[in-house]
């Protein structure tokens, strides 16, 4: 089969190589999946660079979430060939390939309401958004939610989930094209970080109160500005550092303004509370069926375009999700 592999760390476009490798064979408890669509995530770029918290042995295949079709199952599985599922292939054998393996107990049904590209983009980003807004921040109907990078893959999921929860959503983007996208997603107010005074605009829009919840996958200056416009007893959810700078919170500032800084590493829930992950998937499936959420797909690329797609996400040069379709025209 064809698979992208990383033999040394560096920028994705420089270190990802498309190679012919043996087809994987499922072991006990594993499923062999034909990859129908593989979503590109920022961690894929970090894996290539060797800066992610997980460092798989070299060479490895990136691609941390897929929509796949069951081909066969190993001993102890009750695999039904042809079943469409969502999966996170365990590294070093990720999803930017024609086939991948996954532990049978971790796969989940792909929502019928979404095509392959949409389904592949549902799991990590929307689970992160749901846990961030509901489990960590306890967002309430009528509250104001500020979402950074609102037109990106992670941010767009938070915008849709915030609207579904009844929040008023302020989206922060970079540039007029992404501003249009954020409005189409349903943001009640869109701010361009390049031209707008973020702090003043948020305070003006909330009558001086500030944002009740801030969803921040960017870090750096975005986090700093968030602390200046968060409401009394507001909550800042720290999701990631796509901006490249990890902020150092001034805890005295959190004390005098009475706001909470909440860390979110969604992957920990898969081991600490897997039942909650299952329940979240059911809720997301319902929201997708209702049309309340629909992953924003910014581009569909063939397998040979995966390295460029990962580099675009690494550079912040993408809107919504980029999805790799190994089967080209075969994908649903």
C-alpha atoms as a PDB file:
ATOM      1  CA  UNK A   1       0.000   0.000   0.000  1.00  0.00           C
ATOM      2  CA  UNK A   2       0.978   3.672  -0.236  1.00  0.00           C
ATOM      3  CA  UNK A   3       1.688   5.512   3.009  1.00  0.00           C
ATOM      4  CA  UNK A   4       3.350   8.754   4.041  1.00  0.00           C
ATOM      5  CA  UNK A   5       6.303   8.210   6.367  1.00  0.00           C
ATOM      6  CA  UNK A   6       8.556  10.484   8.383  1.00  0.00           C
ATOM      7  CA  UNK A   7      12.170   9.303   8.706  1.00  0.00           C
ATOM      8  CA  UNK A   8      13.556  12.424  10.400  1.00  0.00           C
ATOM      9  CA  UNK A   9      12.040  15.396  12.169  1.00  0.00           C
ATOM     10  CA  UNK A  10      11.489  18.716  10.451  1.00  0.00           C
ATOM     11  CA  UNK A  11       8.907  20.713   8.543  1.00  0.00           C
ATOM     12  CA  UNK A  12       6.157  18.434   7.161  1.00  0.00           C
ATOM     13  CA  UNK A  13       6.726  19.243   3.497  1.00  0.00           C
ATOM     14  CA  UNK A  14      10.431  18.463   3.884  1.00  0.00           C
ATOM     15  CA  UNK A  15      10.256  15.239   5.884  1.00  0.00           C
ATOM     16  CA  UNK A  16       7.082  13.460   4.764  1.00  0.00           C
ATOM     17  CA  UNK A  17       7.705  10.858   2.026  1.00  0.00           C
ATOM     18  CA  UNK A  18       5.088   8.853   0.120  1.00  0.00           C
ATOM     19  CA  UNK A  19       6.293   5.252   0.030  1.00  0.00           C
ATOM     20  CA  UNK A  20       5.196   1.726  -0.825  1.00  0.00           C
ATOM     21  CA  UNK A  21       4.997  -0.335   2.370  1.00  0.00           C
ATOM     22  CA  UNK A  22       3.495  -3.738   3.225  1.00  0.00           C
ATOM     23  CA  UNK A  23      -0.213  -3.824   3.997  1.00  0.00           C
ATOM     24  CA  UNK A  24      -0.789  -3.957   7.765  1.00  0.00           C
ATOM     25  CA  UNK A  25      -2.245  -7.125   9.269  1.00  0.00           C
ATOM     26  CA  UNK A  26      -4.618  -6.959  12.247  1.00  0.00           C
ATOM     27  CA  UNK A  27      -3.477  -8.577  15.457  1.00  0.00           C
ATOM     28  CA  UNK A  28      -5.722  -9.783  18.295  1.00  0.00           C
ATOM     29  CA  UNK A  29      -8.354  -7.149  19.091  1.00  0.00           C
ATOM     30  CA  UNK A  30      -7.489  -5.032  16.058  1.00  0.00           C
ATOM     31  CA  UNK A  31      -9.390  -4.007  12.942  1.00  0.00           C
ATOM     32  CA  UNK A  32      -7.932  -3.488   9.494  1.00  0.00           C
ATOM     33  CA  UNK A  33      -9.484  -0.359   8.003  1.00  0.00           C
ATOM     34  CA  UNK A  34      -9.475   1.027   4.504  1.00  0.00           C
ATOM     35  CA  UNK A  35      -8.882   4.750   4.978  1.00  0.00           C
ATOM     36  CA  UNK A  36     -11.741   6.646   3.345  1.00  0.00           C
ATOM     37  CA  UNK A  37     -10.749  10.056   4.713  1.00  0.00           C
ATOM     38  CA  UNK A  38      -8.023  11.303   7.063  1.00  0.00           C
ATOM     39  CA  UNK A  39      -8.382  14.655   8.766  1.00  0.00           C
ATOM     40  CA  UNK A  40      -5.315  16.906   9.075  1.00  0.00           C
ATOM     41  CA  UNK A  41      -4.727  18.141  12.634  1.00  0.00           C
ATOM     42  CA  UNK A  42      -2.148  20.572  14.003  1.00  0.00           C
ATOM     43  CA  UNK A  43      -0.606  17.729  16.075  1.00  0.00           C
ATOM     44  CA  UNK A  44       0.321  16.042  12.774  1.00  0.00           C
ATOM     45  CA  UNK A  45       2.655  18.971  12.092  1.00  0.00           C
ATOM     46  CA  UNK A  46       4.041  18.828  15.629  1.00  0.00           C
ATOM     47  CA  UNK A  47       4.667  15.093  15.216  1.00  0.00           C
ATOM     48  CA  UNK A  48       6.681  15.790  12.065  1.00  0.00           C
ATOM     49  CA  UNK A  49       8.678  18.442  13.904  1.00  0.00           C
ATOM     50  CA  UNK A  50       9.254  16.168  16.903  1.00  0.00           C
ATOM     51  CA  UNK A  51       7.688  18.705  19.277  1.00  0.00           C
ATOM     52  CA  UNK A  52       4.483  16.878  20.181  1.00  0.00           C
ATOM     53  CA  UNK A  53       4.061  15.363  23.655  1.00  0.00           C
ATOM     54  CA  UNK A  54       4.081  11.932  21.997  1.00  0.00           C
ATOM     55  CA  UNK A  55       7.172  11.045  19.975  1.00  0.00           C
ATOM     56  CA  UNK A  56       6.655   7.851  17.962  1.00  0.00           C
ATOM     57  CA  UNK A  57       9.676   5.888  16.777  1.00  0.00           C
ATOM     58  CA  UNK A  58      11.023   6.735  13.336  1.00  0.00           C
ATOM     59  CA  UNK A  59       9.879   6.090  10.690  1.00  0.00           C
ATOM     60  CA  UNK A  60       6.194   6.718  11.378  1.00  0.00           C
ATOM     61  CA  UNK A  61       3.046   7.606   9.465  1.00  0.00           C
ATOM     62  CA  UNK A  62       1.199  10.729  10.703  1.00  0.00           C
ATOM     63  CA  UNK A  63      -2.581  11.093  10.608  1.00  0.00           C
ATOM     64  CA  UNK A  64      -4.293  10.923  13.991  1.00  0.00           C
ATOM     65  CA  UNK A  65      -7.965  10.562  12.996  1.00  0.00           C
ATOM     66  CA  UNK A  66      -9.777   8.905  10.137  1.00  0.00           C
ATOM     67  CA  UNK A  67     -13.077   7.759   8.755  1.00  0.00           C
ATOM     68  CA  UNK A  68     -12.467   4.196   7.672  1.00  0.00           C
ATOM     69  CA  UNK A  69     -14.197   1.125   6.335  1.00  0.00           C
ATOM     70  CA  UNK A  70     -13.755  -2.189   8.126  1.00  0.00           C
ATOM     71  CA  UNK A  71     -11.929  -4.701   5.927  1.00  0.00           C
ATOM     72  CA  UNK A  72     -11.125  -7.460   8.413  1.00  0.00           C
ATOM     73  CA  UNK A  73     -10.694  -8.124  12.106  1.00  0.00           C
ATOM     74  CA  UNK A  74      -8.124  -9.903  14.201  1.00  0.00           C
ATOM     75  CA  UNK A  75      -8.749 -12.601  16.774  1.00  0.00           C
ATOM     76  CA  UNK A  76     -11.370 -11.661  19.354  1.00  0.00           C
ATOM     77  CA  UNK A  77     -13.192  -9.087  17.226  1.00  0.00           C
ATOM     78  CA  UNK A  78     -16.654  -9.274  15.692  1.00  0.00           C
ATOM     79  CA  UNK A  79     -15.738  -7.186  12.653  1.00  0.00           C
ATOM     80  CA  UNK A  80     -18.418  -6.550  10.050  1.00  0.00           C
ATOM     81  CA  UNK A  81     -16.690  -5.777   6.737  1.00  0.00           C
ATOM     82  CA  UNK A  82     -17.970  -2.608   5.092  1.00  0.00           C
ATOM     83  CA  UNK A  83     -18.908  -0.860   8.357  1.00  0.00           C
ATOM     84  CA  UNK A  84     -18.005   2.827   8.314  1.00  0.00           C
ATOM     85  CA  UNK A  85     -16.265   3.932  11.521  1.00  0.00           C
ATOM     86  CA  UNK A  86     -14.290   6.741  13.113  1.00  0.00           C
ATOM     87  CA  UNK A  87     -10.880   5.734  14.432  1.00  0.00           C
ATOM     88  CA  UNK A  88      -7.601   7.017  15.792  1.00  0.00           C
ATOM     89  CA  UNK A  89      -4.924   4.715  14.391  1.00  0.00           C
ATOM     90  CA  UNK A  90      -2.237   4.145  17.030  1.00  0.00           C
ATOM     91  CA  UNK A  91       1.163   5.479  16.037  1.00  0.00           C
ATOM     92  CA  UNK A  92       3.543   4.735  14.425  1.00  0.00           C
ATOM     93  CA  UNK A  93       0.927   3.616  11.883  1.00  0.00           C
ATOM     94  CA  UNK A  94      -1.197   6.733  11.362  1.00  0.00           C
ATOM     95  CA  UNK A  95      -3.949   7.482   8.888  1.00  0.00           C
ATOM     96  CA  UNK A  96      -2.163   9.119   5.934  1.00  0.00           C
ATOM     97  CA  UNK A  97      -2.145   5.802   4.125  1.00  0.00           C
ATOM     98  CA  UNK A  98      -4.428   3.534   2.143  1.00  0.00           C
ATOM     99  CA  UNK A  99      -4.954   1.194   5.111  1.00  0.00           C
ATOM    100  CA  UNK A 100      -4.563   1.521   8.878  1.00  0.00           C
ATOM    101  CA  UNK A 101      -5.066  -0.517  12.026  1.00  0.00           C
ATOM    102  CA  UNK A 102      -7.157   0.439  15.033  1.00  0.00           C
ATOM    103  CA  UNK A 103      -8.031  -1.209  18.337  1.00  0.00           C
ATOM    104  CA  UNK A 104     -11.564  -2.548  17.940  1.00  0.00           C
ATOM    105  CA  UNK A 105     -12.772  -1.231  21.296  1.00  0.00           C
ATOM    106  CA  UNK A 106     -11.829   2.357  20.373  1.00  0.00           C
ATOM    107  CA  UNK A 107     -13.670   2.753  17.060  1.00  0.00           C
ATOM    108  CA  UNK A 108     -17.064   4.460  16.914  1.00  0.00           C
ATOM    109  CA  UNK A 109     -19.826   4.482  14.297  1.00  0.00           C
ATOM    110  CA  UNK A 110     -19.443   7.207  11.690  1.00  0.00           C
ATOM    111  CA  UNK A 111     -22.467   9.548  11.769  1.00  0.00           C
ATOM    112  CA  UNK A 112     -24.768   8.848   8.838  1.00  0.00           C
ATOM    113  CA  UNK A 113     -25.478  12.569   8.493  1.00  0.00           C
ATOM    114  CA  UNK A 114     -21.871  13.294   7.478  1.00  0.00           C
ATOM    115  CA  UNK A 115     -19.887  12.269   4.420  1.00  0.00           C
ATOM    116  CA  UNK A 116     -16.441  10.741   4.827  1.00  0.00           C
ATOM    117  CA  UNK A 117     -14.601  14.063   4.994  1.00  0.00           C
ATOM    118  CA  UNK A 118     -17.035  15.503   7.520  1.00  0.00           C
ATOM    119  CA  UNK A 119     -16.971  12.351   9.640  1.00  0.00           C
ATOM    120  CA  UNK A 120     -13.164  12.259   9.678  1.00  0.00           C
ATOM    121  CA  UNK A 121     -13.148  15.835  10.989  1.00  0.00           C
ATOM    122  CA  UNK A 122     -15.760  15.277  13.689  1.00  0.00           C
ATOM    123  CA  UNK A 123     -14.032  13.350  16.408  1.00  0.00           C
ATOM    124  CA  UNK A 124     -11.026  15.123  17.948  1.00  0.00           C
ATOM    125  CA  UNK A 125     -11.950  18.747  17.230  1.00  0.00           C
ATOM    126  CA  UNK A 126     -15.585  18.463  18.255  1.00  0.00           C
ATOM    127  CA  UNK A 127     -14.894  16.252  21.259  1.00  0.00           C
ATOM    128  CA  UNK A 128     -12.313  18.822  22.371  1.00  0.00           C
ATOM    129  CA  UNK A 129     -14.831  21.618  21.877  1.00  0.00           C
ATOM    130  CA  UNK A 130     -17.601  19.801  23.700  1.00  0.00           C
ATOM    131  CA  UNK A 131     -15.447  18.888  26.713  1.00  0.00           C
ATOM    132  CA  UNK A 132     -13.929  22.371  26.783  1.00  0.00           C
ATOM    133  CA  UNK A 133     -17.243  24.197  26.734  1.00  0.00           C
ATOM    134  CA  UNK A 134     -19.419  21.828  28.737  1.00  0.00           C
ATOM    135  CA  UNK A 135     -17.169  19.771  31.018  1.00  0.00           C
ATOM    136  CA  UNK A 136     -14.562  22.409  31.813  1.00  0.00           C
ATOM    137  CA  UNK A 137     -16.188  25.829  31.326  1.00  0.00           C
ATOM    138  CA  UNK A 138     -19.820  24.829  32.013  1.00  0.00           C
ATOM    139  CA  UNK A 139     -21.062  27.297  29.429  1.00  0.00           C
ATOM    140  CA  UNK A 140     -24.652  28.443  29.969  1.00  0.00           C
ATOM    141  CA  UNK A 141     -27.339  29.681  27.562  1.00  0.00           C
ATOM    142  CA  UNK A 142     -27.112  33.439  27.156  1.00  0.00           C
ATOM    143  CA  UNK A 143     -23.442  33.681  28.128  1.00  0.00           C
ATOM    144  CA  UNK A 144     -20.887  35.278  25.828  1.00  0.00           C
ATOM    145  CA  UNK A 145     -18.312  32.930  24.319  1.00  0.00           C
ATOM    146  CA  UNK A 146     -15.140  34.334  22.738  1.00  0.00           C
ATOM    147  CA  UNK A 147     -13.488  31.941  20.259  1.00  0.00           C
ATOM    148  CA  UNK A 148      -9.998  32.557  18.899  1.00  0.00           C
ATOM    149  CA  UNK A 149      -9.132  31.267  15.408  1.00  0.00           C
ATOM    150  CA  UNK A 150     -12.861  30.965  14.806  1.00  0.00           C
ATOM    151  CA  UNK A 151     -12.472  30.043  11.130  1.00  0.00           C
ATOM    152  CA  UNK A 152      -9.947  27.271  11.802  1.00  0.00           C
ATOM    153  CA  UNK A 153     -10.658  23.605  12.322  1.00  0.00           C
ATOM    154  CA  UNK A 154     -10.667  23.713  16.138  1.00  0.00           C
ATOM    155  CA  UNK A 155     -12.247  27.157  16.432  1.00  0.00           C
ATOM    156  CA  UNK A 156     -15.044  26.498  13.946  1.00  0.00           C
ATOM    157  CA  UNK A 157     -16.110  23.462  15.978  1.00  0.00           C
ATOM    158  CA  UNK A 158     -16.259  25.595  19.141  1.00  0.00           C
ATOM    159  CA  UNK A 159     -18.332  28.236  17.345  1.00  0.00           C
ATOM    160  CA  UNK A 160     -20.931  25.691  16.251  1.00  0.00           C
ATOM    161  CA  UNK A 161     -21.031  23.980  19.645  1.00  0.00           C
ATOM    162  CA  UNK A 162     -21.322  27.336  21.401  1.00  0.00           C
ATOM    163  CA  UNK A 163     -24.279  28.323  19.253  1.00  0.00           C
ATOM    164  CA  UNK A 164     -25.871  24.922  19.855  1.00  0.00           C
ATOM    165  CA  UNK A 165     -25.489  25.546  23.611  1.00  0.00           C
ATOM    166  CA  UNK A 166     -27.323  28.865  23.355  1.00  0.00           C
ATOM    167  CA  UNK A 167     -24.301  31.121  23.842  1.00  0.00           C
ATOM    168  CA  UNK A 168     -23.659  34.426  22.111  1.00  0.00           C
ATOM    169  CA  UNK A 169     -20.472  33.837  20.119  1.00  0.00           C
ATOM    170  CA  UNK A 170     -17.755  36.368  19.300  1.00  0.00           C
ATOM    171  CA  UNK A 171     -15.272  35.000  16.780  1.00  0.00           C
ATOM    172  CA  UNK A 172     -11.708  36.256  16.360  1.00  0.00           C
ATOM    173  CA  UNK A 173     -10.024  35.698  12.991  1.00  0.00           C
ATOM    174  CA  UNK A 174      -7.157  36.981  10.864  1.00  0.00           C
ATOM    175  CA  UNK A 175      -8.247  38.625   7.633  1.00  0.00           C
ATOM    176  CA  UNK A 176     -11.456  39.431   5.730  1.00  0.00           C
ATOM    177  CA  UNK A 177     -11.822  36.014   4.071  1.00  0.00           C
ATOM    178  CA  UNK A 178     -11.783  34.231   7.414  1.00  0.00           C
ATOM    179  CA  UNK A 179     -14.128  36.884   8.798  1.00  0.00           C
ATOM    180  CA  UNK A 180     -16.676  35.971   6.117  1.00  0.00           C
ATOM    181  CA  UNK A 181     -16.315  32.310   7.011  1.00  0.00           C
ATOM    182  CA  UNK A 182     -16.837  33.018  10.723  1.00  0.00           C
ATOM    183  CA  UNK A 183     -20.026  34.945   9.977  1.00  0.00           C
ATOM    184  CA  UNK A 184     -21.298  32.066   7.859  1.00  0.00           C
ATOM    185  CA  UNK A 185     -20.596  29.726  10.780  1.00  0.00           C
ATOM    186  CA  UNK A 186     -23.010  31.753  12.900  1.00  0.00           C
ATOM    187  CA  UNK A 187     -20.807  34.094  14.952  1.00  0.00           C
ATOM    188  CA  UNK A 188     -22.858  36.950  16.365  1.00  0.00           C
ATOM    189  CA  UNK A 189     -19.856  39.263  16.137  1.00  0.00           C
ATOM    190  CA  UNK A 190     -16.603  38.793  14.221  1.00  0.00           C
ATOM    191  CA  UNK A 191     -13.378  40.627  15.077  1.00  0.00           C
ATOM    192  CA  UNK A 192     -10.275  40.779  12.914  1.00  0.00           C
ATOM    193  CA  UNK A 193      -7.224  40.536  15.157  1.00  0.00           C
ATOM    194  CA  UNK A 194      -5.200  42.403  12.531  1.00  0.00           C
ATOM    195  CA  UNK A 195      -7.352  45.517  12.450  1.00  0.00           C
ATOM    196  CA  UNK A 196      -9.720  45.559  15.445  1.00  0.00           C
ATOM    197  CA  UNK A 197      -9.000  46.507  19.044  1.00  0.00           C
ATOM    198  CA  UNK A 198     -10.010  43.137  20.478  1.00  0.00           C
ATOM    199  CA  UNK A 199     -10.221  44.149  24.122  1.00  0.00           C
ATOM    200  CA  UNK A 200     -12.213  47.327  23.505  1.00  0.00           C
ATOM    201  CA  UNK A 201     -14.555  45.632  21.040  1.00  0.00           C
ATOM    202  CA  UNK A 202     -15.373  42.737  23.395  1.00  0.00           C
ATOM    203  CA  UNK A 203     -16.044  45.097  26.287  1.00  0.00           C
ATOM    204  CA  UNK A 204     -18.187  47.324  24.076  1.00  0.00           C
ATOM    205  CA  UNK A 205     -20.193  44.348  22.788  1.00  0.00           C
ATOM    206  CA  UNK A 206     -20.856  43.088  26.318  1.00  0.00           C
ATOM    207  CA  UNK A 207     -21.663  46.378  28.007  1.00  0.00           C
ATOM    208  CA  UNK A 208     -18.329  46.395  29.795  1.00  0.00           C
ATOM    209  CA  UNK A 209     -18.757  42.925  31.311  1.00  0.00           C
ATOM    210  CA  UNK A 210     -16.432  40.958  29.046  1.00  0.00           C
ATOM    211  CA  UNK A 211     -16.589  37.383  27.776  1.00  0.00           C
ATOM    212  CA  UNK A 212     -17.918  34.737  30.161  1.00  0.00           C
ATOM    213  CA  UNK A 213     -15.986  31.962  28.409  1.00  0.00           C
ATOM    214  CA  UNK A 214     -12.874  32.204  26.233  1.00  0.00           C
ATOM    215  CA  UNK A 215     -11.881  29.274  24.008  1.00  0.00           C
ATOM    216  CA  UNK A 216      -8.197  29.656  23.140  1.00  0.00           C
ATOM    217  CA  UNK A 217      -6.348  27.246  20.834  1.00  0.00           C
ATOM    218  CA  UNK A 218      -3.800  29.939  19.919  1.00  0.00           C
ATOM    219  CA  UNK A 219      -1.939  31.089  23.044  1.00  0.00           C
ATOM    220  CA  UNK A 220       0.574  33.916  23.002  1.00  0.00           C
ATOM    221  CA  UNK A 221      -0.909  37.372  22.439  1.00  0.00           C
ATOM    222  CA  UNK A 222      -4.409  35.899  22.068  1.00  0.00           C
ATOM    223  CA  UNK A 223      -4.262  34.631  25.641  1.00  0.00           C
ATOM    224  CA  UNK A 224      -2.901  37.929  26.956  1.00  0.00           C
ATOM    225  CA  UNK A 225      -5.720  39.908  25.350  1.00  0.00           C
ATOM    226  CA  UNK A 226      -8.254  37.409  26.648  1.00  0.00           C
ATOM    227  CA  UNK A 227      -7.235  38.117  30.231  1.00  0.00           C
ATOM    228  CA  UNK A 228      -7.991  41.797  29.620  1.00  0.00           C
ATOM    229  CA  UNK A 229     -11.549  41.203  28.400  1.00  0.00           C
ATOM    230  CA  UNK A 230     -12.692  38.173  30.406  1.00  0.00           C
ATOM    231  CA  UNK A 231     -15.716  38.731  32.641  1.00  0.00           C
ATOM    232  CA  UNK A 232     -15.934  38.541  36.417  1.00  0.00           C
ATOM    233  CA  UNK A 233     -15.948  34.811  37.220  1.00  0.00           C
ATOM    234  CA  UNK A 234     -15.175  34.154  33.559  1.00  0.00           C
ATOM    235  CA  UNK A 235     -13.374  31.038  32.363  1.00  0.00           C
ATOM    236  CA  UNK A 236     -10.472  30.847  29.920  1.00  0.00           C
ATOM    237  CA  UNK A 237     -10.120  27.388  28.372  1.00  0.00           C
ATOM    238  CA  UNK A 238      -6.528  26.759  27.251  1.00  0.00           C
ATOM    239  CA  UNK A 239      -6.744  24.339  24.314  1.00  0.00           C
ATOM    240  CA  UNK A 240      -3.407  24.727  22.544  1.00  0.00           C
ATOM    241  CA  UNK A 241      -0.668  27.015  21.293  1.00  0.00           C
ATOM    242  CA  UNK A 242      -1.070  27.186  17.520  1.00  0.00           C
ATOM    243  CA  UNK A 243       0.419  30.673  17.594  1.00  0.00           C
ATOM    244  CA  UNK A 244       3.736  29.153  18.635  1.00  0.00           C
ATOM    245  CA  UNK A 245       4.112  30.911  21.995  1.00  0.00           C
ATOM    246  CA  UNK A 246       3.163  29.324  25.298  1.00  0.00           C
ATOM    247  CA  UNK A 247       1.977  32.115  27.625  1.00  0.00           C
ATOM    248  CA  UNK A 248       3.027  32.424  31.247  1.00  0.00           C
ATOM    249  CA  UNK A 249      -0.143  33.266  33.220  1.00  0.00           C
ATOM    250  CA  UNK A 250       0.106  36.025  35.811  1.00  0.00           C
ATOM    251  CA  UNK A 251      -1.744  34.341  38.658  1.00  0.00           C
ATOM    252  CA  UNK A 252      -2.001  37.589  40.590  1.00  0.00           C
ATOM    253  CA  UNK A 253      -4.042  38.928  37.663  1.00  0.00           C
ATOM    254  CA  UNK A 254      -6.374  35.917  37.798  1.00  0.00           C
ATOM    255  CA  UNK A 255      -6.754  36.549  41.516  1.00  0.00           C
ATOM    256  CA  UNK A 256      -7.644  40.227  41.351  1.00  0.00           C
ATOM    257  CA  UNK A 257     -10.006  39.787  38.381  1.00  0.00           C
ATOM    258  CA  UNK A 258     -11.583  36.586  39.724  1.00  0.00           C
ATOM    259  CA  UNK A 259     -11.387  34.436  36.587  1.00  0.00           C
ATOM    260  CA  UNK A 260     -10.440  30.803  36.091  1.00  0.00           C
ATOM    261  CA  UNK A 261      -7.764  29.360  33.808  1.00  0.00           C
ATOM    262  CA  UNK A 262      -8.799  25.881  32.706  1.00  0.00           C
ATOM    263  CA  UNK A 263      -6.465  23.480  30.941  1.00  0.00           C
ATOM    264  CA  UNK A 264      -7.896  21.003  28.464  1.00  0.00           C
ATOM    265  CA  UNK A 265      -6.110  17.904  27.155  1.00  0.00           C
ATOM    266  CA  UNK A 266      -8.989  15.945  25.643  1.00  0.00           C
ATOM    267  CA  UNK A 267      -6.942  12.793  25.072  1.00  0.00           C
ATOM    268  CA  UNK A 268      -6.741  12.188  28.828  1.00  0.00           C
ATOM    269  CA  UNK A 269     -10.492  11.550  28.938  1.00  0.00           C
ATOM    270  CA  UNK A 270     -10.055   8.468  26.755  1.00  0.00           C
ATOM    271  CA  UNK A 271      -8.297   6.797  29.692  1.00  0.00           C
ATOM    272  CA  UNK A 272      -9.709   8.691  32.703  1.00  0.00           C
ATOM    273  CA  UNK A 273     -13.367   8.723  31.646  1.00  0.00           C
ATOM    274  CA  UNK A 274     -13.989   6.714  28.465  1.00  0.00           C
ATOM    275  CA  UNK A 275     -17.721   6.517  29.212  1.00  0.00           C
ATOM    276  CA  UNK A 276     -17.904  10.309  28.918  1.00  0.00           C
ATOM    277  CA  UNK A 277     -16.173  10.122  25.522  1.00  0.00           C
ATOM    278  CA  UNK A 278     -18.775   7.598  24.348  1.00  0.00           C
ATOM    279  CA  UNK A 279     -21.602   9.803  25.619  1.00  0.00           C
ATOM    280  CA  UNK A 280     -20.084  12.810  23.881  1.00  0.00           C
ATOM    281  CA  UNK A 281     -19.922  10.906  20.585  1.00  0.00           C
ATOM    282  CA  UNK A 282     -23.619  10.095  20.899  1.00  0.00           C
ATOM    283  CA  UNK A 283     -24.404  13.754  21.547  1.00  0.00           C
ATOM    284  CA  UNK A 284     -22.298  14.907  18.591  1.00  0.00           C
ATOM    285  CA  UNK A 285     -23.986  12.341  16.358  1.00  0.00           C
ATOM    286  CA  UNK A 286     -27.396  13.749  17.369  1.00  0.00           C
ATOM    287  CA  UNK A 287     -26.273  17.330  16.770  1.00  0.00           C
ATOM    288  CA  UNK A 288     -24.953  16.358  13.332  1.00  0.00           C
ATOM    289  CA  UNK A 289     -28.270  14.660  12.483  1.00  0.00           C
ATOM    290  CA  UNK A 290     -30.094  17.838  13.528  1.00  0.00           C
ATOM    291  CA  UNK A 291     -27.807  19.985  11.385  1.00  0.00           C
ATOM    292  CA  UNK A 292     -26.608  21.931  14.437  1.00  0.00           C
ATOM    293  CA  UNK A 293     -22.999  21.031  13.703  1.00  0.00           C
ATOM    294  CA  UNK A 294     -21.253  20.312  10.426  1.00  0.00           C
ATOM    295  CA  UNK A 295     -17.464  20.265  10.116  1.00  0.00           C
ATOM    296  CA  UNK A 296     -16.143  23.104   7.991  1.00  0.00           C
ATOM    297  CA  UNK A 297     -14.127  21.424   5.240  1.00  0.00           C
ATOM    298  CA  UNK A 298     -11.688  23.886   3.738  1.00  0.00           C
ATOM    299  CA  UNK A 299     -10.218  21.446   1.250  1.00  0.00           C
ATOM    300  CA  UNK A 300     -10.242  17.837   0.096  1.00  0.00           C
ATOM    301  CA  UNK A 301      -6.924  16.554  -1.230  1.00  0.00           C
ATOM    302  CA  UNK A 302      -5.762  13.229  -2.695  1.00  0.00           C
ATOM    303  CA  UNK A 303      -3.263  11.094  -0.831  1.00  0.00           C
ATOM    304  CA  UNK A 304      -0.305  12.554  -2.720  1.00  0.00           C
ATOM    305  CA  UNK A 305      -1.250  16.029  -1.448  1.00  0.00           C
ATOM    306  CA  UNK A 306      -1.035  15.145   2.250  1.00  0.00           C
ATOM    307  CA  UNK A 307       2.400  16.683   2.925  1.00  0.00           C
ATOM    308  CA  UNK A 308       1.354  20.036   1.470  1.00  0.00           C
ATOM    309  CA  UNK A 309      -1.897  19.904   3.481  1.00  0.00           C
ATOM    310  CA  UNK A 310      -0.055  19.282   6.758  1.00  0.00           C
ATOM    311  CA  UNK A 311       2.355  22.124   5.958  1.00  0.00           C
ATOM    312  CA  UNK A 312      -0.549  24.496   5.293  1.00  0.00           C
ATOM    313  CA  UNK A 313      -2.044  23.670   8.680  1.00  0.00           C
ATOM    314  CA  UNK A 314       1.375  24.114  10.298  1.00  0.00           C
ATOM    315  CA  UNK A 315       1.709  27.546   8.687  1.00  0.00           C
ATOM    316  CA  UNK A 316      -1.822  28.628   9.650  1.00  0.00           C
ATOM    317  CA  UNK A 317      -2.658  28.937   5.955  1.00  0.00           C
ATOM    318  CA  UNK A 318      -5.978  27.083   5.968  1.00  0.00           C
ATOM    319  CA  UNK A 319      -9.625  27.670   6.698  1.00  0.00           C
ATOM    320  CA  UNK A 320     -11.613  24.925   8.383  1.00  0.00           C
ATOM    321  CA  UNK A 321     -10.376  21.369   8.021  1.00  0.00           C
ATOM    322  CA  UNK A 322      -8.172  19.923   5.304  1.00  0.00           C
ATOM    323  CA  UNK A 323      -8.995  16.280   4.651  1.00  0.00           C
ATOM    324  CA  UNK A 324      -6.939  13.672   2.797  1.00  0.00           C
ATOM    325  CA  UNK A 325      -8.931  11.249   0.618  1.00  0.00           C
ATOM    326  CA  UNK A 326      -6.737   8.219  -0.178  1.00  0.00           C
ATOM    327  CA  UNK A 327      -9.405   6.705  -2.422  1.00  0.00           C
ATOM    328  CA  UNK A 328      -9.695   9.899  -4.501  1.00  0.00           C
ATOM    329  CA  UNK A 329     -13.089   9.694  -6.204  1.00  0.00           C
ATOM    330  CA  UNK A 330     -14.133   6.622  -4.242  1.00  0.00           C
ATOM    331  CA  UNK A 331     -14.862   8.567  -1.038  1.00  0.00           C
ATOM    332  CA  UNK A 332     -18.512   9.138  -0.229  1.00  0.00           C
END
